[in-house]
Amino acid sequence: MPKWLSNAVFYEIYPQSFKDTNGDGIGDFNGIISKLSYIKDLGCNAIWINPCFKSPFGDAGYDVSDYYQVAPRYGTNDDLKHLFEEAHKLDMHVLLDLVPGHTSWDHEWFKRSCEPEHNEYSDRYIWTDSIWEQPKDLACLAGIAPRDGCCAVNFFSHQPALNYGYEEITRPWQQPTDAEGPKATLEEMKNIMRFWLNMGCDGFRVDMAGSLVKNDPESKGTIRLWQNVRKFLDREFPEAAIVSEWGDPDKSLAGGFHMDFLLHFGPMKYWELFRGDKAFFSGHGDISEFFGKYMESYNKAKGKGLICIPSGNHDMQRISHDLTKDEIKLAFAFILSMPGAPFIYYGDEIGMRNLDGLVSVEGGYGRTAARSPMQWDETKNSGFSTAEPDKLYISIDPDENRPTVSKQEADENSILRELRRILAVRKSHPALSSESDFELIYVEKNDPAVAYIRNSESEKLLVVINTSDKPKTIDCRYIPGEAVYTQGNPAKFDGKQAALPAKSCGFYHI
């Protein structure tokens, strides 16, 4: 694993909504550069930037039309290189968002693949051999080109699926993973990674990483593919990190990824920790089912890679949608005291609202609600942009009392100030590092409390959390020493039980 990743705390940036420096209403690379010190002071030392490559933006950049050029609205390739350099000066690292599963239908590769004559791009995508046959279990484009056949799509209809082959062949037009077309696609994706890593990128978050090989029910073909990529990276770029959007660490880490996200899809019930009317951190949910699967994956992953619990991302409701300010603070204490490299979604550190009801922007639909501009201060457009409000990428939160960085800087009890305190504690205590040991010591079905131990060679910490608005007593054989961090009143211990105050959390030496 890259050395820098073992102590990384990530900040996810949706670039079009972060900071606009040229007044066009869309965030840009120079805006990110101008806020690197803010991110560093928050306690984050790594950044994940959502897709910034050239695109028609039918899916907010997840429909790439040129992997080797950044979208002009963000700047130039040289501007992105400058961003890498400025981040490195602050001892920070930057992941780009790689979309290997599909392109835009505007991509030159796809245009060439639509030609009736066979060429080097004919097998870059998944085509049936007849316009009258659609690919089973995949949506498709049909009747769009002189080429006879239907082309599979991965997500929206304008995102044709790249061809990495089939693990199980059931039709004559399906190609095995070692056919020339799939091999050429994989090699070109390596070339793309090589291009940006040579420019200064530190690695990639990989979109839909588990979906590349088709008819792959046990993911064996997709795991082999990523093992191939990992060997390439270990050989040429050993300090480059790859983080998967897979949601199943058993498979992603076996494939060679350094880390996998827990997501709103996948087997772990991550969504129910922070979202929904039964969210655990609202005091109404059950964390036992989550930990049942988490411990299974944690034990398998130990020594192989990291499991990440993010505060949210661009595809889900903001953490503030179902949690109060104090509940968000408890949630951050949990996220930042668990194993793995945490990810904080921009704006979650100030409790930005989920703006339900917004008109879809660039294929966001319901997700648009969590992609509104970052709220920096009390100036025009909350300091995001000098553009007129109707020119903004997405409208700003209209609430006059909307949270901003400047307001929360001045409020000792704000989410921002609390998050900084937690991150400072994490940084100063080896037991809370990403790779330190984890032992779950208390969890019960439908119980609002949880307790676990983080253990390094130099220290051992007990973490206890009660999400209920009522005090709670749990079985606990420890009588800990001093608290290194608390929210709410401190817990009391007698060697058999721990009395946890309502809505409280504590990290204690044992």
Protein backbone atom coordinates (compact mmCIF):
# COMPACT_ATOMS: atom_id res chain seq x y z
CA MET A 1 0.00 0.00 0.00
CA PRO A 2 1.29 3.53 -0.74
CA LYS A 3 2.79 4.97 2.45
CA TRP A 4 0.81 8.20 2.22
CA LEU A 5 -2.52 6.37 2.09
CA SER A 6 -2.12 4.82 5.54
CA ASN A 7 -2.76 8.19 7.21
CA ALA A 8 -4.91 9.86 4.56
CA VAL A 9 -8.09 11.77 5.37
CA PHE A 10 -9.91 12.63 2.13
CA TYR A 11 -12.05 15.59 1.13
CA GLU A 12 -14.31 15.00 -1.87
CA ILE A 13 -14.70 17.94 -4.25
CA TYR A 14 -17.47 18.21 -6.82
CA PRO A 15 -15.46 20.70 -8.90
CA GLN A 16 -18.28 22.55 -10.64
CA SER A 17 -19.79 23.49 -7.26
CA PHE A 18 -16.73 24.21 -5.11
CA LYS A 19 -15.22 27.61 -5.96
CA ASP A 20 -15.52 29.76 -9.10
CA THR A 21 -12.69 32.21 -9.78
CA ASN A 22 -13.56 33.51 -13.26
CA GLY A 23 -17.18 34.52 -12.67
CA ASP A 24 -18.85 32.07 -15.07
CA GLY A 25 -20.90 30.40 -12.31
CA ILE A 26 -18.98 27.11 -12.46
CA GLY A 27 -16.21 26.04 -10.12
CA ASP A 28 -12.70 25.61 -11.51
CA PHE A 29 -9.19 24.34 -10.75
CA ASN A 30 -7.98 27.75 -9.60
CA GLY A 31 -10.85 27.78 -7.14
CA ILE A 32 -9.70 24.46 -5.69
CA ILE A 33 -6.13 25.76 -5.47
CA SER A 34 -7.33 28.84 -3.59
CA LYS A 35 -8.96 26.62 -0.95
CA LEU A 36 -6.22 24.04 -0.44
CA SER A 37 -5.13 25.70 2.79
CA TYR A 38 -8.72 25.59 4.07
CA ILE A 39 -8.87 21.84 3.38
CA LYS A 40 -5.48 21.31 5.00
CA ASP A 41 -6.48 23.33 8.08
CA LEU A 42 -9.64 21.28 8.36
CA GLY A 43 -7.41 18.26 8.92
CA CYS A 44 -7.63 16.61 5.49
CA ASN A 45 -4.46 15.74 3.62
CA ALA A 46 -5.92 14.20 0.46
CA ILE A 47 -8.52 15.17 -2.13
CA TRP A 48 -10.79 13.26 -4.47
CA ILE A 49 -11.97 15.37 -7.41
CA ASN A 50 -15.06 14.19 -9.29
CA PRO A 51 -14.63 13.81 -13.08
CA CYS A 52 -12.95 16.77 -14.70
CA PHE A 53 -12.24 15.43 -18.20
CA LYS A 54 -13.71 16.79 -21.41
CA SER A 55 -17.38 15.90 -21.61
CA PRO A 56 -20.76 17.03 -23.00
CA PHE A 57 -21.91 16.81 -19.35
CA GLY A 58 -24.98 14.70 -19.82
CA ASP A 59 -24.00 13.01 -16.55
CA ALA A 60 -21.95 15.71 -14.80
CA GLY A 61 -18.70 14.52 -16.37
CA TYR A 62 -19.24 10.79 -15.95
CA ASP A 63 -19.73 10.78 -19.72
CA VAL A 64 -16.17 11.36 -20.91
CA SER A 65 -15.47 12.46 -24.49
CA ASP A 66 -11.67 12.75 -24.11
CA TYR A 67 -9.74 11.16 -21.25
CA TYR A 68 -6.57 13.10 -22.10
CA GLN A 69 -8.03 16.62 -21.90
CA VAL A 70 -9.65 18.39 -18.97
CA ALA A 71 -12.95 20.14 -19.54
CA PRO A 72 -12.25 23.77 -20.54
CA ARG A 73 -14.74 25.08 -17.99
CA TYR A 74 -12.35 23.95 -15.22
CA GLY A 75 -9.16 25.19 -16.87
CA THR A 76 -6.39 23.50 -18.83
CA ASN A 77 -4.22 20.44 -18.39
CA ASP A 78 -1.51 22.79 -17.15
CA ASP A 79 -3.92 24.21 -14.55
CA LEU A 80 -4.60 20.71 -13.26
CA LYS A 81 -0.88 19.99 -13.17
CA HIS A 82 -0.46 23.19 -11.16
CA LEU A 83 -3.13 21.98 -8.75
CA PHE A 84 -1.17 18.75 -8.22
CA GLU A 85 1.99 20.77 -7.56
CA GLU A 86 0.34 23.15 -5.09
CA ALA A 87 -1.26 20.24 -3.22
CA HIS A 88 2.10 18.47 -2.99
CA LYS A 89 3.69 21.61 -1.52
CA LEU A 90 1.21 21.24 1.35
CA ASP A 91 1.99 17.51 1.64
CA MET A 92 -1.44 16.69 0.23
CA HIS A 93 -2.36 14.11 -2.39
CA VAL A 94 -4.95 14.20 -5.18
CA LEU A 95 -7.08 11.42 -6.64
CA LEU A 96 -8.84 11.90 -9.96
CA ASP A 97 -12.11 10.17 -10.77
CA LEU A 98 -11.57 7.52 -13.44
CA VAL A 99 -14.58 6.32 -15.44
CA PRO A 100 -13.39 3.12 -17.14
CA GLY A 101 -16.72 1.42 -17.81
CA HIS A 102 -18.20 3.70 -20.44
CA THR A 103 -17.68 6.90 -22.40
CA SER A 104 -19.93 9.56 -23.85
CA TRP A 105 -21.43 8.77 -27.22
CA ASP A 106 -19.56 11.92 -28.31
CA HIS A 107 -16.22 10.19 -27.77
CA GLU A 108 -14.24 9.71 -30.96
CA TRP A 109 -13.77 6.03 -30.09
CA PHE A 110 -17.52 5.49 -30.17
CA LYS A 111 -18.00 7.43 -33.40
CA ARG A 112 -15.41 5.19 -35.07
CA SER A 113 -16.99 2.06 -33.58
CA CYS A 114 -20.28 3.01 -35.26
CA GLU A 115 -18.74 2.72 -38.73
CA PRO A 116 -19.83 -0.34 -40.74
CA GLU A 117 -16.27 -1.14 -41.80
CA HIS A 118 -14.17 -2.94 -39.20
CA ASN A 119 -11.49 -0.73 -37.63
CA GLU A 120 -9.38 -0.54 -34.49
CA TYR A 121 -12.34 0.81 -32.47
CA SER A 122 -15.00 -1.63 -33.67
CA ASP A 123 -14.48 -3.85 -30.62
CA ARG A 124 -13.84 -1.05 -28.13
CA TYR A 125 -17.55 -1.24 -27.21
CA ILE A 126 -20.05 -4.09 -26.71
CA TRP A 127 -22.05 -4.60 -29.89
CA THR A 128 -24.42 -7.38 -30.83
CA ASP A 129 -24.14 -8.64 -34.39
CA SER A 130 -27.72 -7.75 -35.37
CA ILE A 131 -29.90 -4.70 -34.90
CA TRP A 132 -32.68 -7.13 -33.93
CA GLU A 133 -30.80 -8.59 -30.97
CA GLN A 134 -30.40 -6.60 -27.78
CA PRO A 135 -27.76 -7.55 -25.18
CA LYS A 136 -29.38 -9.50 -22.36
CA ASP A 137 -29.52 -7.78 -18.96
CA LEU A 138 -28.09 -4.53 -20.37
CA ALA A 139 -29.79 -1.48 -21.81
CA CYS A 140 -28.68 -0.55 -25.30
CA LEU A 141 -28.55 1.90 -28.17
CA ALA A 142 -30.25 0.70 -31.32
CA GLY A 143 -30.71 2.11 -34.80
CA ILE A 144 -28.23 4.95 -34.32
CA ALA A 145 -25.53 4.03 -36.83
CA PRO A 146 -24.93 2.34 -40.17
CA ARG A 147 -23.27 -0.50 -38.27
CA ASP A 148 -25.58 -3.50 -37.87
CA GLY A 149 -26.05 -4.25 -34.19
CA CYS A 150 -27.10 -2.83 -30.83
CA CYS A 151 -24.57 -1.26 -28.46
CA ALA A 152 -24.79 -1.90 -24.72
CA VAL A 153 -24.92 1.04 -22.32
CA ASN A 154 -23.87 1.09 -18.67
CA PHE A 155 -26.05 3.84 -17.22
CA PHE A 156 -27.75 6.60 -19.19
CA SER A 157 -28.51 5.96 -22.86
CA HIS A 158 -25.69 8.28 -23.94
CA GLN A 159 -23.04 6.22 -22.09
CA PRO A 160 -22.05 3.23 -24.28
CA ALA A 161 -20.30 0.46 -22.38
CA LEU A 162 -16.64 -0.16 -23.08
CA ASN A 163 -15.72 -3.74 -23.91
CA TYR A 164 -13.64 -5.65 -21.34
CA GLY A 165 -15.09 -8.98 -22.41
CA TYR A 166 -17.43 -11.58 -20.95
CA GLU A 167 -16.61 -14.12 -18.27
CA GLU A 168 -19.36 -16.49 -19.43
CA ILE A 169 -20.01 -16.61 -23.19
CA THR A 170 -23.59 -17.33 -24.23
CA ARG A 171 -23.86 -15.54 -27.61
CA PRO A 172 -21.56 -15.50 -30.66
CA TRP A 173 -20.95 -11.71 -30.48
CA GLN A 174 -19.76 -11.84 -26.86
CA GLN A 175 -15.99 -11.75 -26.59
CA PRO A 176 -13.83 -13.41 -23.90
CA THR A 177 -11.69 -11.18 -21.70
CA ASP A 178 -8.53 -12.24 -23.57
CA ALA A 179 -9.85 -11.29 -27.01
CA GLU A 180 -8.06 -8.51 -28.86
CA GLY A 181 -10.84 -5.91 -28.35
CA PRO A 182 -11.09 -6.26 -24.55
CA LYS A 183 -7.30 -6.40 -24.20
CA ALA A 184 -6.93 -3.20 -26.24
CA THR A 185 -9.54 -1.44 -24.08
CA LEU A 186 -7.70 -2.38 -20.88
CA GLU A 187 -4.32 -1.33 -22.25
CA GLU A 188 -5.73 2.04 -23.29
CA MET A 189 -7.14 2.55 -19.79
CA LYS A 190 -3.66 1.89 -18.42
CA ASN A 191 -2.29 4.49 -20.85
CA ILE A 192 -4.79 7.01 -19.51
CA MET A 193 -3.77 6.27 -15.92
CA ARG A 194 -0.10 6.51 -16.93
CA PHE A 195 -0.68 9.91 -18.56
CA TRP A 196 -2.19 11.53 -15.45
CA LEU A 197 0.14 9.83 -12.98
CA ASN A 198 3.12 11.15 -14.93
CA MET A 199 1.57 14.62 -14.68
CA GLY A 200 1.45 14.41 -10.88
CA CYS A 201 -1.85 12.74 -10.02
CA ASP A 202 -1.57 10.45 -6.97
CA GLY A 203 -4.11 7.85 -8.00
CA PHE A 204 -7.73 7.28 -8.89
CA ARG A 205 -11.15 6.70 -7.42
CA VAL A 206 -12.63 4.28 -9.93
CA ASP A 207 -16.27 4.64 -10.96
CA MET A 208 -18.42 1.46 -11.14
CA ALA A 209 -15.28 -0.61 -10.66
CA GLY A 210 -17.14 -3.90 -10.24
CA SER A 211 -19.08 -3.68 -13.50
CA LEU A 212 -16.44 -3.95 -16.23
CA VAL A 213 -16.47 -7.63 -17.23
CA LYS A 214 -19.96 -8.73 -18.22
CA ASN A 215 -21.74 -12.03 -17.42
CA ASP A 216 -19.47 -12.22 -14.39
CA PRO A 217 -21.74 -13.41 -11.55
CA GLU A 218 -18.93 -14.09 -9.07
CA SER A 219 -16.78 -11.15 -10.28
CA LYS A 220 -13.91 -13.49 -11.14
CA GLY A 221 -13.20 -11.81 -14.47
CA THR A 222 -13.43 -8.31 -13.02
CA ILE A 223 -11.14 -9.27 -10.12
CA ARG A 224 -8.56 -10.64 -12.59
CA LEU A 225 -8.77 -7.42 -14.61
CA TRP A 226 -8.02 -5.23 -11.60
CA GLN A 227 -5.24 -7.54 -10.42
CA ASN A 228 -3.69 -6.90 -13.82
CA VAL A 229 -4.00 -3.13 -13.27
CA ARG A 230 -2.55 -3.39 -9.77
CA LYS A 231 0.53 -5.21 -11.10
CA PHE A 232 1.02 -2.42 -13.65
CA LEU A 233 0.77 0.23 -10.92
CA ASP A 234 3.06 -1.61 -8.51
CA ARG A 235 5.63 -1.87 -11.26
CA GLU A 236 5.49 1.69 -12.62
CA PHE A 237 3.79 3.82 -9.93
CA PRO A 238 4.12 2.09 -6.54
CA GLU A 239 2.91 5.16 -4.63
CA ALA A 240 -0.28 5.50 -6.69
CA ALA A 241 -3.51 4.61 -4.91
CA ILE A 242 -6.64 3.06 -6.41
CA VAL A 243 -9.95 3.33 -4.56
CA SER A 244 -13.00 1.48 -5.84
CA GLU A 245 -16.65 2.31 -6.15
CA TRP A 246 -17.66 -1.29 -5.61
CA GLY A 247 -19.29 -1.48 -2.18
CA ASP A 248 -18.05 -5.03 -1.59
CA PRO A 249 -14.56 -5.05 -0.02
CA ASP A 250 -14.34 -8.85 -0.22
CA LYS A 251 -14.12 -8.54 -4.00
CA SER A 252 -12.53 -5.14 -4.54
CA LEU A 253 -9.56 -5.73 -2.24
CA ALA A 254 -9.05 -9.18 -3.76
CA GLY A 255 -8.86 -7.35 -7.08
CA GLY A 256 -5.95 -5.26 -5.84
CA PHE A 257 -7.69 -2.05 -4.85
CA HIS A 258 -6.15 -0.34 -1.86
CA MET A 259 -9.53 0.72 -0.53
CA ASP A 260 -13.26 0.30 -1.10
CA PHE A 261 -16.12 2.58 -0.10
CA LEU A 262 -19.10 1.50 1.88
CA LEU A 263 -21.95 2.85 -0.22
CA HIS A 264 -25.68 3.34 -0.47
CA PHE A 265 -25.67 0.15 -2.52
CA GLY A 266 -23.90 -3.04 -1.53
CA PRO A 267 -24.36 -5.49 1.32
CA MET A 268 -23.56 -3.41 4.41
CA LYS A 269 -26.61 -1.25 5.13
CA TYR A 270 -24.32 1.80 5.21
CA TRP A 271 -27.25 4.03 4.23
CA GLU A 272 -29.04 3.26 7.48
CA LEU A 273 -26.20 4.62 9.61
CA PHE A 274 -26.81 8.24 8.63
CA ARG A 275 -29.90 8.39 6.42
CA GLY A 276 -33.59 7.53 6.48
CA ASP A 277 -36.20 7.61 9.21
CA LYS A 278 -34.38 4.78 11.00
CA ALA A 279 -30.89 6.24 10.84
CA PHE A 280 -28.75 4.89 13.66
CA PHE A 281 -27.24 8.29 14.43
CA SER A 282 -30.69 9.81 14.78
CA GLY A 283 -31.19 7.44 17.72
CA HIS A 284 -33.83 5.37 15.95
CA GLY A 285 -31.86 2.74 14.07
CA ASP A 286 -30.05 -0.56 14.39
CA ILE A 287 -26.31 -0.82 13.80
CA SER A 288 -26.03 -4.55 14.52
CA GLU A 289 -26.79 -5.64 10.95
CA PHE A 290 -24.20 -3.21 9.62
CA PHE A 291 -21.53 -4.57 11.96
CA GLY A 292 -22.48 -8.16 11.17
CA LYS A 293 -21.35 -7.64 7.59
CA TYR A 294 -18.64 -5.10 8.42
CA MET A 295 -16.75 -7.48 10.73
CA GLU A 296 -16.90 -10.23 8.15
CA SER A 297 -15.36 -7.94 5.53
CA TYR A 298 -12.93 -6.35 8.00
CA ASN A 299 -11.47 -9.69 9.01
CA LYS A 300 -11.06 -10.73 5.37
CA ALA A 301 -9.57 -7.37 4.38
CA LYS A 302 -7.11 -7.06 7.24
CA GLY A 303 -3.64 -6.62 5.85
CA LYS A 304 -4.95 -6.42 2.28
CA GLY A 305 -6.48 -2.95 2.15
CA LEU A 306 -8.81 -0.43 3.75
CA ILE A 307 -12.57 -0.06 4.07
CA CYS A 308 -13.82 3.52 3.94
CA ILE A 309 -16.91 4.98 5.59
CA PRO A 310 -17.66 8.34 3.89
CA SER A 311 -19.87 11.11 5.26
CA GLY A 312 -21.63 11.05 1.89
CA ASN A 313 -20.95 11.73 -1.76
CA HIS A 314 -22.37 13.31 -4.91
CA ASP A 315 -24.79 10.39 -5.44
CA MET A 316 -26.67 10.43 -2.14
CA GLN A 317 -28.61 12.74 0.15
CA ARG A 318 -26.48 14.93 2.36
CA ILE A 319 -25.86 13.75 5.89
CA SER A 320 -27.86 16.76 7.13
CA HIS A 321 -31.03 15.45 5.47
CA ASP A 322 -31.95 13.20 8.41
CA LEU A 323 -29.53 14.20 11.17
CA THR A 324 -29.46 17.28 13.41
CA LYS A 325 -26.32 19.32 14.00
CA ASP A 326 -25.42 17.39 17.18
CA GLU A 327 -26.16 14.06 15.51
CA ILE A 328 -23.84 14.96 12.64
CA LYS A 329 -21.09 15.62 15.19
CA LEU A 330 -21.61 12.13 16.65
CA ALA A 331 -21.58 10.65 13.16
CA PHE A 332 -18.24 12.32 12.42
CA ALA A 333 -16.81 10.99 15.69
CA PHE A 334 -17.76 7.50 14.49
CA ILE A 335 -16.47 7.96 10.93
CA LEU A 336 -13.14 9.33 12.15
CA SER A 337 -12.56 6.72 14.84
CA MET A 338 -13.22 3.69 12.62
CA PRO A 339 -10.51 1.91 10.61
CA GLY A 340 -9.81 2.98 7.04
CA ALA A 341 -9.22 6.33 5.37
CA PRO A 342 -12.27 8.56 5.95
CA PHE A 343 -13.86 10.68 3.21
CA ILE A 344 -15.65 13.96 3.90
CA TYR A 345 -17.97 15.26 1.19
CA TYR A 346 -17.53 18.99 0.59
CA GLY A 347 -20.02 21.02 2.63
CA ASP A 348 -20.78 18.21 5.08
CA GLU A 349 -18.31 19.84 7.44
CA ILE A 350 -20.70 22.78 7.80
CA GLY A 351 -23.93 20.81 7.57
CA MET A 352 -25.00 22.08 4.15
CA ARG A 353 -28.62 21.26 3.44
CA ASN A 354 -29.94 18.78 0.89
CA LEU A 355 -31.89 21.09 -1.44
CA ASP A 356 -34.83 18.84 -2.24
CA GLY A 357 -36.95 19.77 -5.26
CA LEU A 358 -34.26 21.30 -7.47
CA VAL A 359 -34.64 20.88 -11.22
CA SER A 360 -32.16 18.30 -12.51
CA VAL A 361 -28.79 19.66 -13.64
CA GLU A 362 -26.53 17.62 -15.93
CA GLY A 363 -28.24 14.31 -15.25
CA GLY A 364 -28.29 14.75 -11.49
CA TYR A 365 -32.06 14.37 -11.03
CA GLY A 366 -32.64 13.72 -7.32
CA ARG A 367 -28.89 13.81 -6.74
CA THR A 368 -28.81 17.48 -7.76
CA ALA A 369 -30.03 18.29 -4.23
CA ALA A 370 -26.63 17.32 -2.79
CA ARG A 371 -24.53 19.14 -5.42
CA SER A 372 -25.28 22.81 -4.71
CA PRO A 373 -22.48 25.40 -4.45
CA MET A 374 -20.17 25.44 -1.45
CA GLN A 375 -21.15 28.14 1.05
CA TRP A 376 -18.07 30.08 2.05
CA ASP A 377 -19.24 33.39 3.52
CA GLU A 378 -21.93 36.09 3.55
CA THR A 379 -20.95 37.78 0.29
CA LYS A 380 -22.73 37.32 -3.05
CA ASN A 381 -23.68 33.69 -3.73
CA SER A 382 -22.16 32.78 -0.36
CA GLY A 383 -18.70 33.48 -1.77
CA PHE A 384 -18.91 30.71 -4.37
CA SER A 385 -19.03 32.96 -7.45
CA THR A 386 -19.39 36.57 -8.55
CA ALA A 387 -21.76 35.51 -11.36
CA GLU A 388 -25.37 36.56 -11.33
CA PRO A 389 -27.49 34.01 -9.46
CA ASP A 390 -29.23 32.80 -12.62
CA LYS A 391 -25.82 31.91 -14.11
CA LEU A 392 -24.78 29.56 -11.32
CA TYR A 393 -24.23 25.89 -12.14
CA ILE A 394 -26.81 25.02 -9.46
CA SER A 395 -28.70 27.60 -7.41
CA ILE A 396 -27.38 28.47 -3.97
CA ASP A 397 -29.31 27.48 -0.84
CA PRO A 398 -31.99 30.23 -0.61
CA ASP A 399 -32.26 30.07 3.19
CA GLU A 400 -30.91 33.31 4.68
CA ASN A 401 -29.68 31.28 7.65
CA ARG A 402 -27.80 28.80 5.48
CA PRO A 403 -24.57 27.58 7.10
CA THR A 404 -21.31 29.07 5.84
CA VAL A 405 -17.66 28.50 6.65
CA SER A 406 -17.30 32.05 8.00
CA LYS A 407 -20.26 31.67 10.38
CA GLN A 408 -19.03 28.34 11.66
CA GLU A 409 -15.48 29.59 12.09
CA ALA A 410 -16.88 32.08 14.60
CA ASP A 411 -19.06 29.54 16.43
CA GLU A 412 -17.21 27.38 18.93
CA ASN A 413 -20.07 24.85 18.91
CA SER A 414 -20.34 24.51 15.14
CA ILE A 415 -19.96 21.29 13.16
CA LEU A 416 -16.86 22.73 11.49
CA ARG A 417 -15.07 23.49 14.75
CA GLU A 418 -16.03 20.09 16.18
CA LEU A 419 -14.81 18.27 13.09
CA ARG A 420 -11.46 20.03 13.34
CA ARG A 421 -11.18 18.93 16.96
CA ILE A 422 -11.92 15.30 16.08
CA LEU A 423 -9.45 15.33 13.20
CA ALA A 424 -6.76 16.80 15.44
CA VAL A 425 -7.37 13.99 17.95
CA ARG A 426 -7.22 11.38 15.20
CA LYS A 427 -3.94 12.81 13.90
CA SER A 428 -2.30 12.85 17.33
CA HIS A 429 -3.33 9.34 18.43
CA PRO A 430 -1.79 6.33 16.65
CA ALA A 431 -4.59 4.06 17.87
CA LEU A 432 -6.98 5.97 15.56
CA SER A 433 -4.89 5.58 12.42
CA SER A 434 -6.36 3.85 9.39
CA GLU A 435 -4.54 0.55 9.90
CA SER A 436 -4.65 0.22 13.69
CA ASP A 437 -6.45 -2.83 15.04
CA PHE A 438 -10.19 -2.80 15.66
CA GLU A 439 -12.19 -4.85 18.16
CA LEU A 440 -15.96 -4.55 18.49
CA ILE A 441 -16.89 -5.04 22.15
CA TYR A 442 -20.53 -3.98 22.33
CA VAL A 443 -23.34 -4.04 19.82
CA GLU A 444 -26.88 -5.34 20.23
CA LYS A 445 -29.88 -5.46 17.92
CA ASN A 446 -31.98 -2.28 18.08
CA ASP A 447 -29.61 -0.82 20.67
CA PRO A 448 -28.62 2.87 20.30
CA ALA A 449 -25.14 2.31 21.74
CA VAL A 450 -21.94 0.86 20.35
CA ALA A 451 -18.44 0.37 21.78
CA TYR A 452 -15.15 -0.70 20.23
CA ILE A 453 -11.41 -0.61 20.80
CA ARG A 454 -8.72 0.81 18.53
CA ASN A 455 -5.27 -0.52 19.25
CA SER A 456 -1.79 0.36 18.02
CA GLU A 457 1.63 -0.68 19.28
CA SER A 458 1.86 2.46 21.43
CA GLU A 459 -1.69 2.99 22.73
CA LYS A 460 -5.15 1.53 23.15
CA LEU A 461 -8.37 3.56 23.02
CA LEU A 462 -11.94 2.66 23.93
CA VAL A 463 -14.66 4.38 21.88
CA VAL A 464 -18.21 4.51 23.28
CA ILE A 465 -21.16 6.14 21.52
CA ASN A 466 -24.78 6.56 22.57
CA THR A 467 -27.05 7.95 19.85
CA SER A 468 -30.22 7.95 21.97
CA ASP A 469 -31.67 11.06 23.61
CA LYS A 470 -31.77 9.00 26.84
CA PRO A 471 -28.91 7.69 29.03
CA LYS A 472 -27.83 4.13 28.31
CA THR A 473 -25.94 1.48 30.31
CA ILE A 474 -23.88 -1.13 28.47
CA ASP A 475 -21.74 -4.07 29.50
CA CYS A 476 -18.11 -2.94 29.64
CA ARG A 477 -15.32 -4.57 31.67
CA TYR A 478 -12.92 -1.63 31.40
CA ILE A 479 -12.19 1.21 33.78
CA PRO A 480 -10.43 3.55 31.39
CA GLY A 481 -8.00 6.34 32.08
CA GLU A 482 -8.29 9.88 30.81
CA ALA A 483 -10.58 10.84 27.97
CA VAL A 484 -8.80 12.12 24.88
CA TYR A 485 -12.05 13.33 23.35
CA THR A 486 -15.69 13.65 24.42
CA GLN A 487 -18.97 14.93 23.04
CA GLY A 488 -21.66 15.56 25.63
CA ASN A 489 -21.02 14.49 29.20
CA PRO A 490 -18.33 11.87 29.86
CA ALA A 491 -19.26 8.25 30.49
CA LYS A 492 -18.84 6.55 33.88
CA PHE A 493 -17.28 3.12 34.30
CA ASP A 494 -17.25 0.62 37.19
CA GLY A 495 -15.42 -2.31 35.61
CA LYS A 496 -18.63 -4.15 34.71
CA GLN A 497 -20.74 -1.53 33.00
CA ALA A 498 -20.46 1.87 31.36
CA ALA A 499 -23.10 4.54 31.93
CA LEU A 500 -23.37 6.58 28.73
CA PRO A 501 -25.10 9.98 28.83
CA ALA A 502 -27.66 10.82 26.16
CA LYS A 503 -26.28 11.80 22.73
CA SER A 504 -22.69 11.31 23.84
CA CYS A 505 -19.38 9.97 22.63
CA GLY A 506 -15.98 9.48 24.20
CA PHE A 507 -12.52 8.19 23.32
CA TYR A 508 -10.74 6.88 26.45
CA HIS A 509 -7.27 5.46 27.17
CA ILE A 510 -7.31 1.91 28.44
